[in-house]
């Protein structure tokens, strides 16, 4: 280095309006803390971290490129970096902790060395619900009694083994009474279990038997 000169100062990390994001061009960008920007687009948004801040996120929850979407991943940023936000209250930290624990129970257990219970995590409840009905017919679509082939007071159901995760070749059609349909609801999976004695409806030339009359 030439005496009396100084190394060039590294530009401060910033995200500007119009910058590219995983969700489109940013139409707003606000600095939330050192190396942390909150961005939004017409369709979605989230946080962008610089390399230094992203490295502070535990590896199990670290997102490539430092992008954290606003629906769930926001909680990762707040939980581990929220102390740099002026607005972060104890309630905000607890909301973030609850979200991370509920959405990423395996990672949370590994990072904090605690056991997460199904009561604390919708992911664990969903796993348990899936295990309980594995190999059984679950609804993937339904029709009210306005549909053809659905009697008044009944519900037409298209079902697959293991529901939406199941193979298409296991698809079958049934009608359930409204009471049966309500009783068969699996809230964790957003589907219904088809009773073993449910009335089956044949497809029409290989097509769905339900639809507008």
Protein backbone atom coordinates (compact mmCIF):
# COMPACT_ATOMS: atom_id res chain seq x y z
CA UNK A 1 0.00 0.00 0.00
CA UNK A 2 1.29 3.47 -0.85
CA UNK A 3 2.04 5.48 2.30
CA UNK A 4 -0.75 7.92 3.10
CA UNK A 5 -3.41 5.92 1.22
CA UNK A 6 -6.18 3.78 2.65
CA UNK A 7 -7.89 0.65 1.33
CA UNK A 8 -11.15 1.27 -0.50
CA UNK A 9 -14.12 0.99 1.82
CA UNK A 10 -16.36 -1.94 1.01
CA UNK A 11 -19.79 -0.70 -0.13
CA UNK A 12 -22.53 -1.18 2.46
CA UNK A 13 -24.89 -4.02 1.68
CA UNK A 14 -28.19 -2.78 0.32
CA UNK A 15 -31.27 -3.93 -1.55
CA UNK A 16 -33.00 -1.34 -3.69
CA UNK A 17 -36.42 -1.00 -5.24
CA UNK A 18 -36.29 -2.85 -8.54
CA UNK A 19 -33.76 -5.43 -7.31
CA UNK A 20 -34.32 -9.03 -8.29
CA UNK A 21 -35.78 -11.33 -5.66
CA UNK A 22 -36.98 -14.96 -5.79
CA UNK A 23 -40.52 -13.53 -6.04
CA UNK A 24 -39.98 -10.91 -8.73
CA UNK A 25 -38.72 -7.34 -8.75
CA UNK A 26 -38.83 -5.59 -5.39
CA UNK A 27 -41.36 -2.77 -5.20
CA UNK A 28 -40.25 -1.91 -1.66
CA UNK A 29 -37.07 -2.51 0.30
CA UNK A 30 -36.54 -1.47 3.91
CA UNK A 31 -33.42 -1.83 6.02
CA UNK A 32 -34.33 -3.65 9.25
CA UNK A 33 -30.87 -3.98 10.73
CA UNK A 34 -27.21 -4.31 9.71
CA UNK A 35 -27.13 -6.54 6.63
CA UNK A 36 -30.88 -7.22 6.79
CA UNK A 37 -33.48 -5.94 4.34
CA UNK A 38 -37.20 -6.61 4.18
CA UNK A 39 -38.50 -6.68 0.61
CA UNK A 40 -41.87 -7.04 -1.03
CA UNK A 41 -43.09 -7.67 -4.56
CA UNK A 42 -46.58 -7.65 -6.06
CA UNK A 43 -46.82 -11.39 -5.34
CA UNK A 44 -44.76 -12.13 -2.23
CA UNK A 45 -41.87 -10.97 -0.09
CA UNK A 46 -39.50 -11.71 2.74
CA UNK A 47 -36.03 -10.94 4.07
CA UNK A 48 -32.66 -10.73 2.37
CA UNK A 49 -29.54 -11.21 4.49
CA UNK A 50 -25.99 -10.39 3.54
CA UNK A 51 -23.35 -13.12 3.70
CA UNK A 52 -22.25 -12.23 7.23
CA UNK A 53 -25.76 -12.31 8.71
CA UNK A 54 -26.77 -15.39 6.79
CA UNK A 55 -23.78 -17.22 8.28
CA UNK A 56 -25.22 -16.50 11.73
CA UNK A 57 -28.29 -18.62 10.95
CA UNK A 58 -27.77 -22.24 12.05
CA UNK A 59 -26.86 -24.38 9.06
CA UNK A 60 -29.96 -26.56 9.37
CA UNK A 61 -32.19 -23.53 8.81
CA UNK A 62 -29.93 -21.40 6.62
CA UNK A 63 -31.39 -20.50 3.22
CA UNK A 64 -29.24 -20.39 0.12
CA UNK A 65 -28.58 -16.86 -1.04
CA UNK A 66 -29.90 -15.38 2.20
CA UNK A 67 -33.52 -15.19 1.05
CA UNK A 68 -36.22 -15.93 3.67
CA UNK A 69 -39.85 -15.82 2.51
CA UNK A 70 -42.49 -14.00 4.52
CA UNK A 71 -44.96 -16.81 5.32
CA UNK A 72 -42.77 -19.02 7.53
CA UNK A 73 -39.07 -18.30 7.03
CA UNK A 74 -39.48 -14.80 8.48
CA UNK A 75 -39.47 -16.47 11.88
CA UNK A 76 -35.96 -17.85 11.31
CA UNK A 77 -34.62 -14.33 10.75
CA UNK A 78 -36.43 -12.86 13.76
CA UNK A 79 -35.49 -15.71 16.11
CA UNK A 80 -31.77 -15.61 15.37
CA UNK A 81 -31.21 -12.00 14.30
CA UNK A 82 -34.16 -10.14 15.78
CA UNK A 83 -31.98 -8.66 18.51
CA UNK A 84 -30.66 -6.31 15.82
CA UNK A 85 -34.18 -5.02 15.06
CA UNK A 86 -35.24 -1.96 17.06
CA UNK A 87 -38.90 -3.00 16.90
CA UNK A 88 -38.52 -6.61 18.09
CA UNK A 89 -40.44 -7.13 21.33
CA UNK A 90 -40.38 -10.20 23.60
CA UNK A 91 -43.74 -11.17 22.10
CA UNK A 92 -42.24 -11.01 18.58
CA UNK A 93 -39.42 -13.33 19.64
CA UNK A 94 -41.87 -15.78 21.17
CA UNK A 95 -44.03 -15.72 18.04
CA UNK A 96 -40.95 -16.46 15.97
CA UNK A 97 -39.85 -19.25 18.31
CA UNK A 98 -43.29 -20.83 18.17
CA UNK A 99 -43.34 -20.66 14.36
CA UNK A 100 -39.87 -22.20 13.96
CA UNK A 101 -40.60 -24.91 16.53
CA UNK A 102 -43.91 -25.75 14.90
CA UNK A 103 -42.75 -25.65 11.28
CA UNK A 104 -39.24 -27.12 11.65
CA UNK A 105 -39.41 -29.45 14.66
CA UNK A 106 -36.45 -31.65 13.69
CA UNK A 107 -34.15 -28.68 13.13
CA UNK A 108 -35.38 -26.98 16.31
CA UNK A 109 -34.63 -30.09 18.39
CA UNK A 110 -31.12 -30.35 16.92
CA UNK A 111 -30.31 -26.68 17.47
CA UNK A 112 -31.74 -26.18 20.96
CA UNK A 113 -31.40 -29.71 22.34
CA UNK A 114 -35.02 -29.95 23.44
CA UNK A 115 -37.86 -32.30 22.56
CA UNK A 116 -40.70 -30.86 20.49
CA UNK A 117 -44.13 -32.34 21.17
CA UNK A 118 -47.02 -32.75 18.72
CA UNK A 119 -48.92 -30.13 20.71
CA UNK A 120 -46.18 -27.66 19.78
CA UNK A 121 -45.85 -28.60 16.11
CA UNK A 122 -48.41 -28.92 13.33
CA UNK A 123 -45.76 -30.78 11.31
CA UNK A 124 -45.54 -33.52 13.95
CA UNK A 125 -49.33 -33.71 14.16
CA UNK A 126 -49.51 -34.06 10.40
CA UNK A 127 -46.91 -36.85 10.43
CA UNK A 128 -48.87 -38.71 13.09
CA UNK A 129 -52.11 -38.30 11.15
CA UNK A 130 -50.48 -39.59 7.96
CA UNK A 131 -49.08 -42.61 9.76
CA UNK A 132 -52.49 -43.41 11.28
CA UNK A 133 -54.22 -43.60 7.87
CA UNK A 134 -51.37 -44.86 5.72
CA UNK A 135 -52.57 -47.23 3.02
CA UNK A 136 -56.19 -46.08 3.31
CA UNK A 137 -58.44 -44.20 0.90
CA UNK A 138 -58.55 -40.44 1.48
CA UNK A 139 -60.43 -37.76 -0.42
CA UNK A 140 -58.72 -35.64 -3.04
CA UNK A 141 -61.87 -33.89 -4.35
CA UNK A 142 -65.56 -33.72 -3.48
CA UNK A 143 -68.93 -32.65 -4.94
CA UNK A 144 -72.20 -31.66 -3.30
CA UNK A 145 -75.63 -33.02 -4.17
CA UNK A 146 -75.88 -30.46 -6.97
CA UNK A 147 -73.69 -32.88 -8.94
CA UNK A 148 -74.86 -35.73 -11.11
CA UNK A 149 -74.79 -39.14 -9.41
CA UNK A 150 -74.89 -37.56 -5.94
CA UNK A 151 -78.24 -38.08 -4.13
CA UNK A 152 -79.69 -35.31 -1.94
CA UNK A 153 -77.98 -35.24 1.46
CA UNK A 154 -74.85 -36.98 0.16
CA UNK A 155 -71.37 -35.95 -0.94
CA UNK A 156 -69.49 -37.34 -3.93
CA UNK A 157 -65.86 -38.13 -3.20
CA UNK A 158 -62.86 -38.86 -5.39
CA UNK A 159 -60.31 -40.73 -3.28
CA UNK A 160 -56.85 -42.23 -3.56
CA UNK A 161 -54.84 -44.47 -1.28
CA UNK A 162 -52.80 -42.06 0.86
CA UNK A 163 -54.76 -39.12 -0.54
CA UNK A 164 -52.95 -36.50 -2.59
CA UNK A 165 -49.66 -38.33 -2.06
CA UNK A 166 -51.12 -41.56 -3.45
CA UNK A 167 -50.79 -43.01 -6.95
CA UNK A 168 -53.37 -42.00 -9.55
CA UNK A 169 -54.11 -45.63 -10.41
CA UNK A 170 -55.70 -46.13 -6.99
CA UNK A 171 -58.31 -43.43 -7.66
CA UNK A 172 -61.90 -44.43 -6.92
CA UNK A 173 -65.28 -42.71 -6.44
CA UNK A 174 -67.77 -42.90 -3.58
CA UNK A 175 -70.86 -41.25 -2.16
CA UNK A 176 -71.01 -40.57 1.58
CA UNK A 177 -73.86 -39.20 3.61
CA UNK A 178 -73.22 -35.68 4.81
CA UNK A 179 -72.92 -37.05 8.36
CA UNK A 180 -70.36 -39.67 7.26
CA UNK A 181 -68.44 -37.03 5.36
CA UNK A 182 -68.22 -34.69 8.34
CA UNK A 183 -67.28 -37.51 10.72
CA UNK A 184 -64.47 -38.66 8.42
CA UNK A 185 -62.65 -35.31 8.38
CA UNK A 186 -58.88 -35.41 9.03
CA UNK A 187 -58.10 -31.76 9.82
CA UNK A 188 -54.30 -32.18 9.86
CA UNK A 189 -54.37 -33.52 6.29
CA UNK A 190 -57.22 -31.39 4.96
CA UNK A 191 -58.92 -34.51 3.67
CA UNK A 192 -61.51 -37.13 4.60
CA UNK A 193 -61.05 -40.83 5.27
CA UNK A 194 -63.34 -43.02 3.16
CA UNK A 195 -65.15 -45.58 5.38
CA UNK A 196 -64.60 -49.20 4.42
CA UNK A 197 -68.32 -49.73 3.79
CA UNK A 198 -68.74 -46.57 1.68
CA UNK A 199 -70.92 -46.84 -1.42
CA UNK A 200 -68.77 -46.95 -4.51
CA UNK A 201 -69.72 -45.22 -7.77
CA UNK A 202 -68.45 -46.52 -11.08
CA UNK A 203 -66.58 -44.21 -13.43
CA UNK A 204 -68.25 -43.28 -16.70
CA UNK A 205 -66.14 -44.49 -19.64
CA UNK A 206 -63.10 -44.12 -17.43
CA UNK A 207 -64.02 -40.56 -16.47
CA UNK A 208 -65.16 -38.99 -13.20
CA UNK A 209 -68.85 -39.71 -12.59
CA UNK A 210 -69.39 -36.40 -10.79
CA UNK A 211 -69.89 -32.92 -12.16
CA UNK A 212 -72.62 -30.56 -13.38
CA UNK A 213 -75.92 -32.22 -14.22
